[in-house]
Amino acid sequence: MDARALEVGLRLSNVHSLKAKRSVVRHVITDLHKAFPHIGIAEVDHQDQWQRATLGLALVAQRPGMLDRVTQEITRFLDRRPDVELLSIAAAYLDPEA
């Protein structure tokens, strides 16, 4: 079994308050859960900044190579969203046995 953690940096350019930011982030997380129901997602940084968000994602797969495919699909999914700009995506492999 393979496991990976992703840290996704986003810019929300049309947001001018924390309330509006929370709404956009909530929709992004909801849409990610709909498209990828087997991943865990949480906002992990920049909670007090209007136009920045950092999401943490946890992925687990049974087969080798599957995590790469899912990571690429998540990247394309976020790139297509008009309400956010994908600034960065960093991946770290996790040891599911630990």
N, C-alpha and C. Protein backbone atom coordinates (compact mmCIF):
# COMPACT_ATOMS: atom_id res chain seq x y z
N MET A 1 0.85 -1.17 0.00
CA MET A 1 0.00 0.00 0.00
C MET A 1 0.90 1.23 0.00
N ASP A 2 0.55 2.22 -0.82
CA ASP A 2 1.29 3.47 -0.92
C ASP A 2 0.46 4.60 -0.32
N ALA A 3 1.14 5.55 0.31
CA ALA A 3 0.47 6.72 0.89
C ALA A 3 1.28 7.97 0.56
N ARG A 4 0.58 9.06 0.34
CA ARG A 4 1.22 10.32 -0.02
C ARG A 4 0.47 11.46 0.63
N ALA A 5 1.23 12.45 1.05
CA ALA A 5 0.64 13.71 1.54
C ALA A 5 0.95 14.79 0.51
N LEU A 6 -0.05 15.60 0.21
CA LEU A 6 0.13 16.73 -0.69
C LEU A 6 -0.10 18.02 0.08
N GLU A 7 0.72 19.01 -0.19
CA GLU A 7 0.49 20.35 0.33
C GLU A 7 0.25 21.24 -0.89
N VAL A 8 -0.95 21.82 -0.96
CA VAL A 8 -1.38 22.57 -2.13
C VAL A 8 -1.53 24.04 -1.74
N GLY A 9 -0.76 24.90 -2.41
CA GLY A 9 -0.85 26.34 -2.19
C GLY A 9 -1.76 26.97 -3.22
N LEU A 10 -2.71 27.75 -2.75
CA LEU A 10 -3.68 28.39 -3.63
C LEU A 10 -3.71 29.91 -3.41
N ARG A 11 -3.99 30.64 -4.48
CA ARG A 11 -4.28 32.07 -4.37
C ARG A 11 -5.72 32.27 -4.78
N LEU A 12 -6.43 33.08 -4.00
CA LEU A 12 -7.84 33.38 -4.25
C LEU A 12 -7.91 34.88 -4.56
N SER A 13 -7.75 35.24 -5.82
CA SER A 13 -7.55 36.65 -6.18
C SER A 13 -8.81 37.50 -6.07
N ASN A 14 -9.99 36.94 -6.18
CA ASN A 14 -11.21 37.73 -6.13
C ASN A 14 -11.86 37.75 -4.75
N VAL A 15 -11.09 37.47 -3.73
CA VAL A 15 -11.60 37.40 -2.36
C VAL A 15 -11.13 38.64 -1.60
N HIS A 16 -12.06 39.26 -0.86
CA HIS A 16 -11.72 40.49 -0.15
C HIS A 16 -12.11 40.45 1.32
N SER A 17 -12.37 39.26 1.85
CA SER A 17 -12.66 39.11 3.28
C SER A 17 -12.42 37.66 3.67
N LEU A 18 -12.24 37.44 4.96
CA LEU A 18 -12.07 36.06 5.42
C LEU A 18 -13.35 35.25 5.23
N LYS A 19 -14.50 35.91 5.35
CA LYS A 19 -15.77 35.21 5.14
C LYS A 19 -15.87 34.70 3.70
N ALA A 20 -15.51 35.55 2.75
CA ALA A 20 -15.53 35.14 1.34
C ALA A 20 -14.50 34.04 1.08
N LYS A 21 -13.32 34.16 1.72
CA LYS A 21 -12.30 33.13 1.56
C LYS A 21 -12.81 31.78 2.05
N ARG A 22 -13.41 31.78 3.24
CA ARG A 22 -13.91 30.51 3.79
C ARG A 22 -14.94 29.87 2.86
N SER A 23 -15.76 30.69 2.23
CA SER A 23 -16.76 30.17 1.30
C SER A 23 -16.07 29.50 0.10
N VAL A 24 -15.08 30.16 -0.47
CA VAL A 24 -14.37 29.60 -1.63
C VAL A 24 -13.65 28.32 -1.23
N VAL A 25 -12.94 28.35 -0.10
CA VAL A 25 -12.19 27.17 0.34
C VAL A 25 -13.14 26.01 0.61
N ARG A 26 -14.26 26.30 1.23
CA ARG A 26 -15.25 25.25 1.51
C ARG A 26 -15.74 24.62 0.21
N HIS A 27 -16.00 25.44 -0.83
CA HIS A 27 -16.44 24.90 -2.11
C HIS A 27 -15.34 24.08 -2.78
N VAL A 28 -14.11 24.54 -2.69
CA VAL A 28 -13.00 23.78 -3.28
C VAL A 28 -12.88 22.41 -2.60
N ILE A 29 -12.93 22.40 -1.28
CA ILE A 29 -12.83 21.14 -0.53
C ILE A 29 -14.00 20.21 -0.86
N THR A 30 -15.21 20.77 -0.90
CA THR A 30 -16.39 19.96 -1.24
C THR A 30 -16.27 19.37 -2.63
N ASP A 31 -15.85 20.19 -3.60
CA ASP A 31 -15.71 19.71 -4.97
C ASP A 31 -14.59 18.66 -5.09
N LEU A 32 -13.49 18.85 -4.35
CA LEU A 32 -12.44 17.84 -4.35
C LEU A 32 -12.96 16.52 -3.78
N HIS A 33 -13.74 16.59 -2.70
CA HIS A 33 -14.30 15.37 -2.11
C HIS A 33 -15.25 14.67 -3.08
N LYS A 34 -16.01 15.44 -3.84
CA LYS A 34 -16.92 14.84 -4.83
C LYS A 34 -16.13 14.16 -5.95
N ALA A 35 -15.08 14.80 -6.41
CA ALA A 35 -14.29 14.25 -7.52
C ALA A 35 -13.36 13.12 -7.06
N PHE A 36 -12.89 13.21 -5.82
CA PHE A 36 -11.93 12.24 -5.28
C PHE A 36 -12.41 11.83 -3.89
N PRO A 37 -13.41 10.96 -3.82
CA PRO A 37 -14.06 10.67 -2.53
C PRO A 37 -13.18 9.94 -1.52
N HIS A 38 -12.06 9.40 -1.95
CA HIS A 38 -11.25 8.60 -1.04
C HIS A 38 -10.00 9.34 -0.53
N ILE A 39 -9.99 10.67 -0.61
CA ILE A 39 -8.86 11.42 -0.08
C ILE A 39 -9.32 12.24 1.12
N GLY A 40 -8.38 12.52 2.01
CA GLY A 40 -8.65 13.40 3.14
C GLY A 40 -8.15 14.79 2.82
N ILE A 41 -8.90 15.82 3.21
CA ILE A 41 -8.54 17.20 2.87
C ILE A 41 -8.82 18.11 4.06
N ALA A 42 -7.90 19.05 4.30
CA ALA A 42 -8.11 20.06 5.33
C ALA A 42 -7.31 21.31 4.96
N GLU A 43 -7.81 22.46 5.39
CA GLU A 43 -7.03 23.69 5.26
C GLU A 43 -5.99 23.67 6.37
N VAL A 44 -4.70 23.82 6.03
CA VAL A 44 -3.65 23.63 7.02
C VAL A 44 -2.78 24.85 7.27
N ASP A 45 -2.94 25.92 6.48
CA ASP A 45 -2.12 27.11 6.69
C ASP A 45 -2.79 28.31 6.03
N HIS A 46 -2.33 29.49 6.39
CA HIS A 46 -2.83 30.76 5.86
C HIS A 46 -4.30 31.01 6.20
N GLN A 47 -4.76 30.49 7.33
CA GLN A 47 -6.17 30.65 7.70
C GLN A 47 -6.56 32.12 7.89
N ASP A 48 -5.62 32.98 8.25
CA ASP A 48 -5.93 34.39 8.52
C ASP A 48 -5.59 35.32 7.35
N GLN A 49 -5.23 34.76 6.22
CA GLN A 49 -4.93 35.58 5.04
C GLN A 49 -6.06 35.45 4.03
N TRP A 50 -6.53 36.57 3.54
CA TRP A 50 -7.68 36.59 2.64
C TRP A 50 -7.46 35.83 1.34
N GLN A 51 -6.33 36.10 0.71
CA GLN A 51 -6.15 35.61 -0.66
C GLN A 51 -5.20 34.42 -0.78
N ARG A 52 -4.89 33.78 0.32
CA ARG A 52 -4.04 32.59 0.29
C ARG A 52 -4.71 31.47 1.05
N ALA A 53 -4.48 30.25 0.60
CA ALA A 53 -4.96 29.06 1.31
C ALA A 53 -3.96 27.94 1.04
N THR A 54 -3.75 27.14 2.04
CA THR A 54 -2.92 25.95 1.89
C THR A 54 -3.75 24.76 2.35
N LEU A 55 -3.91 23.80 1.45
CA LEU A 55 -4.67 22.60 1.75
C LEU A 55 -3.71 21.43 1.92
N GLY A 56 -4.02 20.58 2.87
CA GLY A 56 -3.30 19.33 3.04
C GLY A 56 -4.20 18.19 2.57
N LEU A 57 -3.66 17.32 1.75
CA LEU A 57 -4.42 16.18 1.23
C LEU A 57 -3.68 14.89 1.57
N ALA A 58 -4.41 13.88 1.96
CA ALA A 58 -3.84 12.56 2.24
C ALA A 58 -4.43 11.57 1.25
N LEU A 59 -3.55 10.82 0.57
CA LEU A 59 -3.96 9.85 -0.44
C LEU A 59 -3.38 8.48 -0.10
N VAL A 60 -4.16 7.46 -0.32
CA VAL A 60 -3.71 6.08 -0.12
C VAL A 60 -4.13 5.28 -1.35
N ALA A 61 -3.24 4.40 -1.82
CA ALA A 61 -3.55 3.58 -2.99
C ALA A 61 -3.00 2.17 -2.79
N GLN A 62 -3.68 1.23 -3.39
CA GLN A 62 -3.26 -0.18 -3.31
C GLN A 62 -2.16 -0.50 -4.32
N ARG A 63 -2.22 0.15 -5.49
CA ARG A 63 -1.29 -0.20 -6.57
C ARG A 63 -0.25 0.88 -6.79
N PRO A 64 0.98 0.47 -7.12
CA PRO A 64 2.02 1.45 -7.45
C PRO A 64 1.62 2.27 -8.67
N GLY A 65 1.99 3.51 -8.69
CA GLY A 65 1.68 4.38 -9.82
C GLY A 65 0.34 5.07 -9.70
N MET A 66 -0.54 4.54 -8.90
CA MET A 66 -1.87 5.12 -8.76
C MET A 66 -1.80 6.51 -8.11
N LEU A 67 -0.90 6.69 -7.16
CA LEU A 67 -0.77 7.98 -6.49
C LEU A 67 -0.31 9.06 -7.46
N ASP A 68 0.58 8.70 -8.39
CA ASP A 68 1.01 9.67 -9.39
C ASP A 68 -0.16 10.11 -10.26
N ARG A 69 -0.97 9.16 -10.67
CA ARG A 69 -2.12 9.47 -11.52
C ARG A 69 -3.12 10.36 -10.78
N VAL A 70 -3.41 10.03 -9.54
CA VAL A 70 -4.36 10.82 -8.76
C VAL A 70 -3.80 12.22 -8.51
N THR A 71 -2.51 12.32 -8.22
CA THR A 71 -1.89 13.64 -8.02
C THR A 71 -2.00 14.49 -9.28
N GLN A 72 -1.77 13.89 -10.44
CA GLN A 72 -1.91 14.62 -11.70
C GLN A 72 -3.36 15.05 -11.94
N GLU A 73 -4.31 14.18 -11.61
CA GLU A 73 -5.73 14.53 -11.77
C GLU A 73 -6.13 15.67 -10.84
N ILE A 74 -5.63 15.65 -9.61
CA ILE A 74 -5.92 16.74 -8.66
C ILE A 74 -5.33 18.05 -9.18
N THR A 75 -4.11 17.99 -9.70
CA THR A 75 -3.48 19.19 -10.25
C THR A 75 -4.29 19.75 -11.40
N ARG A 76 -4.73 18.91 -12.33
CA ARG A 76 -5.55 19.38 -13.46
C ARG A 76 -6.88 19.93 -12.97
N PHE A 77 -7.49 19.26 -12.00
CA PHE A 77 -8.76 19.69 -11.42
C PHE A 77 -8.63 21.11 -10.86
N LEU A 78 -7.59 21.36 -10.11
CA LEU A 78 -7.40 22.69 -9.52
C LEU A 78 -7.00 23.72 -10.56
N ASP A 79 -6.23 23.33 -11.57
CA ASP A 79 -5.84 24.25 -12.64
C ASP A 79 -7.05 24.75 -13.44
N ARG A 80 -8.08 23.94 -13.55
CA ARG A 80 -9.27 24.30 -14.33
C ARG A 80 -10.23 25.20 -13.56
N ARG A 81 -10.06 25.35 -12.26
CA ARG A 81 -10.99 26.15 -11.45
C ARG A 81 -10.75 27.63 -11.69
N PRO A 82 -11.80 28.37 -12.00
CA PRO A 82 -11.63 29.82 -12.22
C PRO A 82 -11.52 30.61 -10.92
N ASP A 83 -11.90 30.02 -9.78
CA ASP A 83 -11.93 30.77 -8.52
C ASP A 83 -10.64 30.69 -7.73
N VAL A 84 -9.69 29.84 -8.16
CA VAL A 84 -8.41 29.73 -7.46
C VAL A 84 -7.27 29.63 -8.48
N GLU A 85 -6.09 30.03 -8.04
CA GLU A 85 -4.89 29.85 -8.84
C GLU A 85 -3.98 28.90 -8.07
N LEU A 86 -3.57 27.84 -8.72
CA LEU A 86 -2.68 26.85 -8.10
C LEU A 86 -1.27 27.43 -8.09
N LEU A 87 -0.75 27.71 -6.89
CA LEU A 87 0.59 28.27 -6.75
C LEU A 87 1.65 27.20 -6.61
N SER A 88 1.32 26.15 -5.86
CA SER A 88 2.32 25.10 -5.64
C SER A 88 1.63 23.81 -5.24
N ILE A 89 2.33 22.73 -5.48
CA ILE A 89 1.89 21.43 -5.00
C ILE A 89 3.15 20.63 -4.65
N ALA A 90 3.24 20.25 -3.40
CA ALA A 90 4.40 19.49 -2.92
C ALA A 90 3.92 18.15 -2.41
N ALA A 91 4.65 17.10 -2.77
CA ALA A 91 4.26 15.75 -2.39
C ALA A 91 5.32 15.14 -1.48
N ALA A 92 4.83 14.36 -0.52
CA ALA A 92 5.72 13.59 0.35
C ALA A 92 5.14 12.20 0.49
N TYR A 93 5.97 11.20 0.31
CA TYR A 93 5.52 9.83 0.50
C TYR A 93 5.45 9.54 1.99
N LEU A 94 4.45 8.80 2.38
CA LEU A 94 4.26 8.43 3.78
C LEU A 94 4.45 6.93 3.94
N ASP A 95 4.87 6.53 5.10
CA ASP A 95 5.00 5.11 5.40
C ASP A 95 3.74 4.68 6.13
N PRO A 96 2.82 3.96 5.47
CA PRO A 96 1.58 3.57 6.12
C PRO A 96 1.79 2.59 7.27
N GLU A 97 2.97 2.00 7.36
CA GLU A 97 3.27 1.06 8.44
C GLU A 97 3.66 1.78 9.72
N ALA A 98 4.05 3.06 9.61
CA ALA A 98 4.53 3.80 10.81
C ALA A 98 3.41 4.21 11.70
